[in-house]
Every structure is written in structure tokens, then in C-alpha cells.
Amino acid sequence: MFSGAHVILYTSDADADRAFLKDVLGFGHVDAGHGWLIFALPPAEVAVHPTDDEPKHELYLMCDDIAGTLTTLEDRGVVISRPISDQGWGQLAAIRLPSGTELPLYEPHHPTAYTPSP
């Protein structure tokens, strides 16, 4: 029925954040025209959480080794905006995009709905 999901990041500096996703994180991409890049993402899953606050959507990048991933990203000049913390369900951290937006990363300690490639 569905062939994929399309995530949109609204940002104050789209060109810088696109360059970051392409050059620093190394996400594959296509040019949809006029430099409008659309990026391939790793396998994804979606969770639905209850809230008493205003409903919202969030994007987290998952990794198998968050400490190693953060070391690699720091070596590439990426700002770590939140150090690793144990949340019980996983290890959580965040990096800063060039626009200033925070992008959370986590290493899950729960079953996932997909099997990462080796």
C-alpha cells in the first residue's frame, strides 16, 4: 500500500542544512530540480505516543553505537548539543545542524521494527 515516508525539516537555513545532510552525514540524495535535494534515509519506523500537550512530530536518527557515531561526527566538526544520557529505553544525544536546529540521535535498548543492515 505505501512505498515509503517523506519527512520534512523546516529550517531557517535550508541550504546549510542540506549541505550538512549531504556532506557531513553522507546521506544519498537526488536533485528534484533547481538544487532542491531530497535525501535517502536509513530504514525507519514510526511510534505513536500519548500527550497531554499540543500534538507534534519528532525525528530521531537511530544508531547502533551512539558513542562511536558521536565521535565520528565530532571528528567531522559537528557540534554535540546534548551529551549521551541513559533514558532506560535507550541512549539519547543530539547534534546541532548549521541552522541551529537540534537533531536527536539515539541508540535503542528496545526491540525495533526493522533490522539494520550489517
N, C-alpha and C. Protein backbone atom coordinates (compact mmCIF):
# COMPACT_ATOMS: atom_id res chain seq x y z
N MET A 1 0.82 -1.18 0.00
CA MET A 1 0.00 0.00 0.00
C MET A 1 0.87 1.26 0.00
N PHE A 2 1.85 1.36 0.92
CA PHE A 2 2.72 2.52 0.98
C PHE A 2 4.12 2.12 0.50
N SER A 3 4.78 3.02 -0.16
CA SER A 3 6.12 2.71 -0.67
C SER A 3 7.22 3.41 0.11
N GLY A 4 6.88 4.28 1.05
CA GLY A 4 7.89 4.98 1.84
C GLY A 4 7.27 6.09 2.65
N ALA A 5 8.13 6.86 3.28
CA ALA A 5 7.70 8.02 4.06
C ALA A 5 8.56 9.21 3.65
N HIS A 6 7.99 10.39 3.69
CA HIS A 6 8.70 11.62 3.33
C HIS A 6 8.69 12.53 4.54
N VAL A 7 9.85 12.82 5.08
CA VAL A 7 9.99 13.67 6.26
C VAL A 7 10.42 15.05 5.79
N ILE A 8 9.85 16.10 6.37
CA ILE A 8 10.22 17.47 6.02
C ILE A 8 10.78 18.15 7.26
N LEU A 9 11.96 18.73 7.13
CA LEU A 9 12.54 19.54 8.18
C LEU A 9 12.39 21.00 7.78
N TYR A 10 11.65 21.78 8.53
CA TYR A 10 11.55 23.21 8.28
C TYR A 10 12.69 23.87 9.03
N THR A 11 13.44 24.72 8.35
CA THR A 11 14.66 25.27 8.90
C THR A 11 14.85 26.72 8.46
N SER A 12 15.60 27.46 9.24
CA SER A 12 15.88 28.86 8.90
C SER A 12 17.03 28.98 7.90
N ASP A 13 17.77 27.89 7.64
CA ASP A 13 18.87 27.91 6.67
C ASP A 13 18.90 26.59 5.91
N ALA A 14 17.97 26.45 4.98
CA ALA A 14 17.81 25.18 4.26
C ALA A 14 19.07 24.81 3.48
N ASP A 15 19.72 25.77 2.85
CA ASP A 15 20.93 25.45 2.06
C ASP A 15 22.02 24.86 2.95
N ALA A 16 22.25 25.45 4.11
CA ALA A 16 23.29 24.95 5.01
C ALA A 16 22.93 23.57 5.56
N ASP A 17 21.67 23.38 5.93
CA ASP A 17 21.26 22.08 6.46
C ASP A 17 21.28 21.00 5.38
N ARG A 18 20.93 21.36 4.15
CA ARG A 18 21.03 20.39 3.04
C ARG A 18 22.49 19.98 2.83
N ALA A 19 23.39 20.94 2.82
CA ALA A 19 24.81 20.65 2.65
C ALA A 19 25.31 19.75 3.78
N PHE A 20 24.85 19.99 5.00
CA PHE A 20 25.22 19.18 6.16
C PHE A 20 24.77 17.73 5.98
N LEU A 21 23.51 17.55 5.59
CA LEU A 21 22.99 16.19 5.39
C LEU A 21 23.75 15.47 4.29
N LYS A 22 24.12 16.20 3.24
CA LYS A 22 24.83 15.61 2.10
C LYS A 22 26.30 15.37 2.42
N ASP A 23 26.99 16.40 2.89
CA ASP A 23 28.44 16.34 3.01
C ASP A 23 28.94 15.79 4.34
N VAL A 24 28.24 16.06 5.42
CA VAL A 24 28.71 15.63 6.74
C VAL A 24 28.10 14.29 7.13
N LEU A 25 26.77 14.18 7.02
CA LEU A 25 26.13 12.91 7.38
C LEU A 25 26.22 11.89 6.25
N GLY A 26 26.48 12.35 5.03
CA GLY A 26 26.68 11.45 3.90
C GLY A 26 25.42 10.78 3.38
N PHE A 27 24.27 11.40 3.57
CA PHE A 27 23.02 10.82 3.07
C PHE A 27 22.99 10.92 1.54
N GLY A 28 22.64 9.82 0.89
CA GLY A 28 22.43 9.84 -0.55
C GLY A 28 21.26 10.76 -0.86
N HIS A 29 21.23 11.27 -2.09
CA HIS A 29 20.18 12.23 -2.42
C HIS A 29 19.93 12.27 -3.92
N VAL A 30 18.83 12.88 -4.26
CA VAL A 30 18.51 13.21 -5.65
C VAL A 30 18.20 14.70 -5.69
N ASP A 31 18.43 15.30 -6.84
CA ASP A 31 18.08 16.70 -7.05
C ASP A 31 16.73 16.72 -7.73
N ALA A 32 15.73 17.22 -7.02
CA ALA A 32 14.37 17.27 -7.57
C ALA A 32 14.20 18.45 -8.52
N GLY A 33 15.27 19.19 -8.73
CA GLY A 33 15.25 20.35 -9.63
C GLY A 33 15.65 21.61 -8.90
N HIS A 34 16.49 22.41 -9.56
CA HIS A 34 16.92 23.71 -9.04
C HIS A 34 17.64 23.59 -7.70
N GLY A 35 18.38 22.49 -7.49
CA GLY A 35 19.13 22.30 -6.25
C GLY A 35 18.31 21.86 -5.06
N TRP A 36 17.05 21.51 -5.30
CA TRP A 36 16.17 21.06 -4.23
C TRP A 36 16.48 19.59 -3.96
N LEU A 37 17.31 19.32 -2.94
CA LEU A 37 17.75 17.96 -2.66
C LEU A 37 16.74 17.22 -1.79
N ILE A 38 16.52 15.96 -2.15
CA ILE A 38 15.71 15.06 -1.35
C ILE A 38 16.61 13.90 -0.97
N PHE A 39 16.68 13.61 0.33
CA PHE A 39 17.65 12.66 0.87
C PHE A 39 17.05 11.30 1.16
N ALA A 40 17.86 10.28 0.91
CA ALA A 40 17.51 8.93 1.33
C ALA A 40 17.80 8.82 2.82
N LEU A 41 16.96 8.15 3.53
CA LEU A 41 17.15 7.92 4.95
C LEU A 41 17.38 6.44 5.21
N PRO A 42 17.97 6.13 6.36
CA PRO A 42 18.07 4.72 6.74
C PRO A 42 16.66 4.16 6.95
N PRO A 43 16.55 2.83 7.09
CA PRO A 43 15.23 2.27 7.39
C PRO A 43 14.59 3.02 8.55
N ALA A 44 13.28 3.12 8.53
CA ALA A 44 12.59 3.92 9.53
C ALA A 44 11.48 3.14 10.20
N GLU A 45 11.04 3.67 11.29
CA GLU A 45 9.86 3.16 11.98
C GLU A 45 9.11 4.35 12.55
N VAL A 46 7.87 4.16 12.90
CA VAL A 46 7.08 5.25 13.48
C VAL A 46 6.45 4.74 14.77
N ALA A 47 6.45 5.59 15.78
CA ALA A 47 5.83 5.26 17.06
C ALA A 47 4.76 6.32 17.35
N VAL A 48 3.74 5.95 18.06
CA VAL A 48 2.68 6.88 18.43
C VAL A 48 2.65 6.95 19.96
N HIS A 49 2.91 8.14 20.48
CA HIS A 49 2.96 8.35 21.93
C HIS A 49 1.80 9.25 22.36
N PRO A 50 1.23 8.99 23.52
CA PRO A 50 0.18 9.88 24.02
C PRO A 50 0.78 11.18 24.55
N THR A 51 0.01 12.24 24.54
CA THR A 51 0.45 13.52 25.10
C THR A 51 -0.74 14.30 25.62
N ASP A 52 -0.50 15.04 26.69
CA ASP A 52 -1.50 15.98 27.17
C ASP A 52 -1.20 17.38 26.64
N ASP A 53 -0.01 17.53 26.00
CA ASP A 53 0.39 18.80 25.40
C ASP A 53 -0.11 18.88 23.97
N GLU A 54 0.27 19.93 23.28
CA GLU A 54 -0.07 20.10 21.87
C GLU A 54 0.56 18.96 21.06
N PRO A 55 -0.17 18.27 20.21
CA PRO A 55 0.42 17.21 19.38
C PRO A 55 1.55 17.76 18.52
N LYS A 56 2.58 16.96 18.29
CA LYS A 56 3.73 17.35 17.48
C LYS A 56 4.35 16.11 16.86
N HIS A 57 5.29 16.32 15.96
CA HIS A 57 6.04 15.24 15.34
C HIS A 57 7.51 15.47 15.63
N GLU A 58 8.27 14.39 15.76
CA GLU A 58 9.70 14.48 16.02
C GLU A 58 10.45 13.50 15.11
N LEU A 59 11.70 13.83 14.81
CA LEU A 59 12.57 12.97 14.03
C LEU A 59 13.80 12.65 14.87
N TYR A 60 14.09 11.37 15.03
CA TYR A 60 15.30 10.91 15.70
C TYR A 60 16.05 10.02 14.73
N LEU A 61 17.36 10.19 14.64
CA LEU A 61 18.17 9.25 13.88
C LEU A 61 18.65 8.18 14.84
N MET A 62 18.48 6.92 14.45
CA MET A 62 18.87 5.80 15.30
C MET A 62 20.25 5.30 14.88
N CYS A 63 21.02 4.84 15.87
CA CYS A 63 22.33 4.28 15.57
C CYS A 63 22.59 3.09 16.48
N ASP A 64 23.46 2.20 16.02
CA ASP A 64 23.80 1.00 16.78
C ASP A 64 24.85 1.29 17.85
N ASP A 65 25.66 2.33 17.67
CA ASP A 65 26.74 2.68 18.59
C ASP A 65 26.78 4.20 18.70
N ILE A 66 26.01 4.75 19.63
CA ILE A 66 25.89 6.20 19.71
C ILE A 66 27.21 6.87 20.07
N ALA A 67 27.99 6.26 20.96
CA ALA A 67 29.27 6.86 21.34
C ALA A 67 30.20 6.93 20.13
N GLY A 68 30.28 5.85 19.37
CA GLY A 68 31.11 5.83 18.17
C GLY A 68 30.61 6.81 17.12
N THR A 69 29.30 6.88 16.96
CA THR A 69 28.71 7.81 15.98
C THR A 69 29.04 9.25 16.35
N LEU A 70 28.90 9.60 17.63
CA LEU A 70 29.20 10.97 18.06
C LEU A 70 30.68 11.30 17.89
N THR A 71 31.55 10.33 18.15
CA THR A 71 32.99 10.55 17.94
C THR A 71 33.27 10.83 16.47
N THR A 72 32.69 10.04 15.58
CA THR A 72 32.86 10.25 14.14
C THR A 72 32.34 11.63 13.74
N LEU A 73 31.17 11.99 14.23
CA LEU A 73 30.59 13.28 13.88
C LEU A 73 31.42 14.44 14.44
N GLU A 74 31.92 14.31 15.66
CA GLU A 74 32.79 15.35 16.22
C GLU A 74 34.05 15.52 15.39
N ASP A 75 34.60 14.40 14.90
CA ASP A 75 35.79 14.45 14.04
C ASP A 75 35.50 15.20 12.74
N ARG A 76 34.23 15.24 12.34
CA ARG A 76 33.81 15.97 11.14
C ARG A 76 33.39 17.41 11.45
N GLY A 77 33.58 17.83 12.69
CA GLY A 77 33.27 19.20 13.07
C GLY A 77 31.85 19.44 13.54
N VAL A 78 31.09 18.38 13.76
CA VAL A 78 29.70 18.52 14.19
C VAL A 78 29.66 18.90 15.67
N VAL A 79 28.77 19.82 16.02
CA VAL A 79 28.57 20.24 17.41
C VAL A 79 27.62 19.27 18.09
N ILE A 80 28.05 18.70 19.21
CA ILE A 80 27.18 17.84 20.02
C ILE A 80 26.43 18.78 20.96
N SER A 81 25.13 18.89 20.79
CA SER A 81 24.34 19.84 21.59
C SER A 81 23.78 19.23 22.87
N ARG A 82 23.69 17.91 22.91
CA ARG A 82 23.26 17.21 24.13
C ARG A 82 24.11 15.96 24.27
N PRO A 83 24.83 15.82 25.36
CA PRO A 83 25.64 14.62 25.55
C PRO A 83 24.75 13.40 25.77
N ILE A 84 25.35 12.25 25.68
CA ILE A 84 24.61 10.98 25.85
C ILE A 84 24.02 10.92 27.25
N SER A 85 22.75 10.54 27.30
CA SER A 85 22.08 10.28 28.57
C SER A 85 21.30 8.98 28.44
N ASP A 86 21.25 8.23 29.54
CA ASP A 86 20.53 6.96 29.56
C ASP A 86 19.07 7.25 29.88
N GLN A 87 18.19 6.89 28.95
CA GLN A 87 16.76 7.11 29.13
C GLN A 87 16.01 5.85 29.52
N GLY A 88 16.74 4.76 29.73
CA GLY A 88 16.09 3.48 30.01
C GLY A 88 15.76 2.75 28.72
N TRP A 89 15.01 3.39 27.85
CA TRP A 89 14.64 2.80 26.56
C TRP A 89 15.78 2.91 25.55
N GLY A 90 16.83 3.70 25.92
CA GLY A 90 17.98 3.85 25.03
C GLY A 90 18.89 4.97 25.48
N GLN A 91 19.98 5.13 24.74
CA GLN A 91 20.93 6.21 24.97
C GLN A 91 20.57 7.35 24.02
N LEU A 92 20.39 8.55 24.56
CA LEU A 92 19.92 9.70 23.80
C LEU A 92 20.99 10.79 23.78
N ALA A 93 21.16 11.44 22.63
CA ALA A 93 22.05 12.60 22.49
C ALA A 93 21.46 13.46 21.38
N ALA A 94 22.12 14.56 21.07
CA ALA A 94 21.66 15.40 19.97
C ALA A 94 22.84 16.15 19.37
N ILE A 95 22.72 16.45 18.07
CA ILE A 95 23.70 17.26 17.37
C ILE A 95 23.03 18.54 16.89
N ARG A 96 23.84 19.52 16.53
CA ARG A 96 23.33 20.81 16.08
C ARG A 96 23.51 20.91 14.57
N LEU A 97 22.42 21.18 13.85
CA LEU A 97 22.51 21.45 12.42
C LEU A 97 23.05 22.87 12.22
N PRO A 98 23.58 23.18 11.04
CA PRO A 98 24.11 24.52 10.80
C PRO A 98 23.09 25.63 11.07
N SER A 99 21.81 25.36 10.88
CA SER A 99 20.77 26.37 11.12
C SER A 99 20.55 26.62 12.61
N GLY A 100 21.12 25.77 13.45
CA GLY A 100 20.91 25.88 14.89
C GLY A 100 19.90 24.89 15.41
N THR A 101 19.19 24.23 14.52
CA THR A 101 18.19 23.24 14.91
C THR A 101 18.88 22.02 15.52
N GLU A 102 18.28 21.49 16.55
CA GLU A 102 18.82 20.30 17.19
C GLU A 102 18.25 19.05 16.53
N LEU A 103 19.10 18.05 16.29
CA LEU A 103 18.68 16.78 15.71
C LEU A 103 19.04 15.67 16.69
N PRO A 104 18.04 15.05 17.32
CA PRO A 104 18.31 14.00 18.30
C PRO A 104 18.76 12.69 17.63
N LEU A 105 19.65 11.99 18.33
CA LEU A 105 20.12 10.67 17.92
C LEU A 105 19.89 9.73 19.10
N TYR A 106 19.61 8.47 18.80
CA TYR A 106 19.56 7.54 19.93
C TYR A 106 19.91 6.13 19.51
N GLU A 107 20.44 5.43 20.51
CA GLU A 107 20.75 4.00 20.39
C GLU A 107 19.67 3.27 21.17
N PRO A 108 18.77 2.58 20.46
CA PRO A 108 17.65 1.96 21.16
C PRO A 108 18.08 0.77 22.02
N HIS A 109 17.43 0.63 23.16
CA HIS A 109 17.59 -0.54 24.02
C HIS A 109 16.29 -1.32 24.07
N HIS A 110 15.46 -1.09 23.09
CA HIS A 110 14.16 -1.76 22.98
C HIS A 110 14.13 -2.48 21.63
N PRO A 111 13.22 -3.42 21.45
CA PRO A 111 13.10 -4.04 20.13
C PRO A 111 12.76 -2.98 19.08
N THR A 112 13.31 -3.11 17.89
CA THR A 112 12.99 -2.20 16.80
C THR A 112 12.16 -2.92 15.76
N ALA A 113 11.46 -2.14 14.96
CA ALA A 113 10.57 -2.70 13.94
C ALA A 113 11.30 -3.03 12.66
N TYR A 114 12.59 -2.77 12.59
CA TYR A 114 13.37 -3.06 11.41
C TYR A 114 14.68 -3.72 11.82
N THR A 115 15.33 -4.33 10.88
CA THR A 115 16.64 -4.93 11.12
C THR A 115 17.68 -4.10 10.39
N PRO A 116 18.59 -3.44 11.14
CA PRO A 116 19.61 -2.63 10.46
C PRO A 116 20.51 -3.50 9.60
N SER A 117 21.01 -2.91 8.51
CA SER A 117 21.92 -3.66 7.65
C SER A 117 23.27 -3.77 8.34
N PRO A 118 23.97 -4.88 8.10
CA PRO A 118 25.27 -5.10 8.78
C PRO A 118 26.32 -4.11 8.35
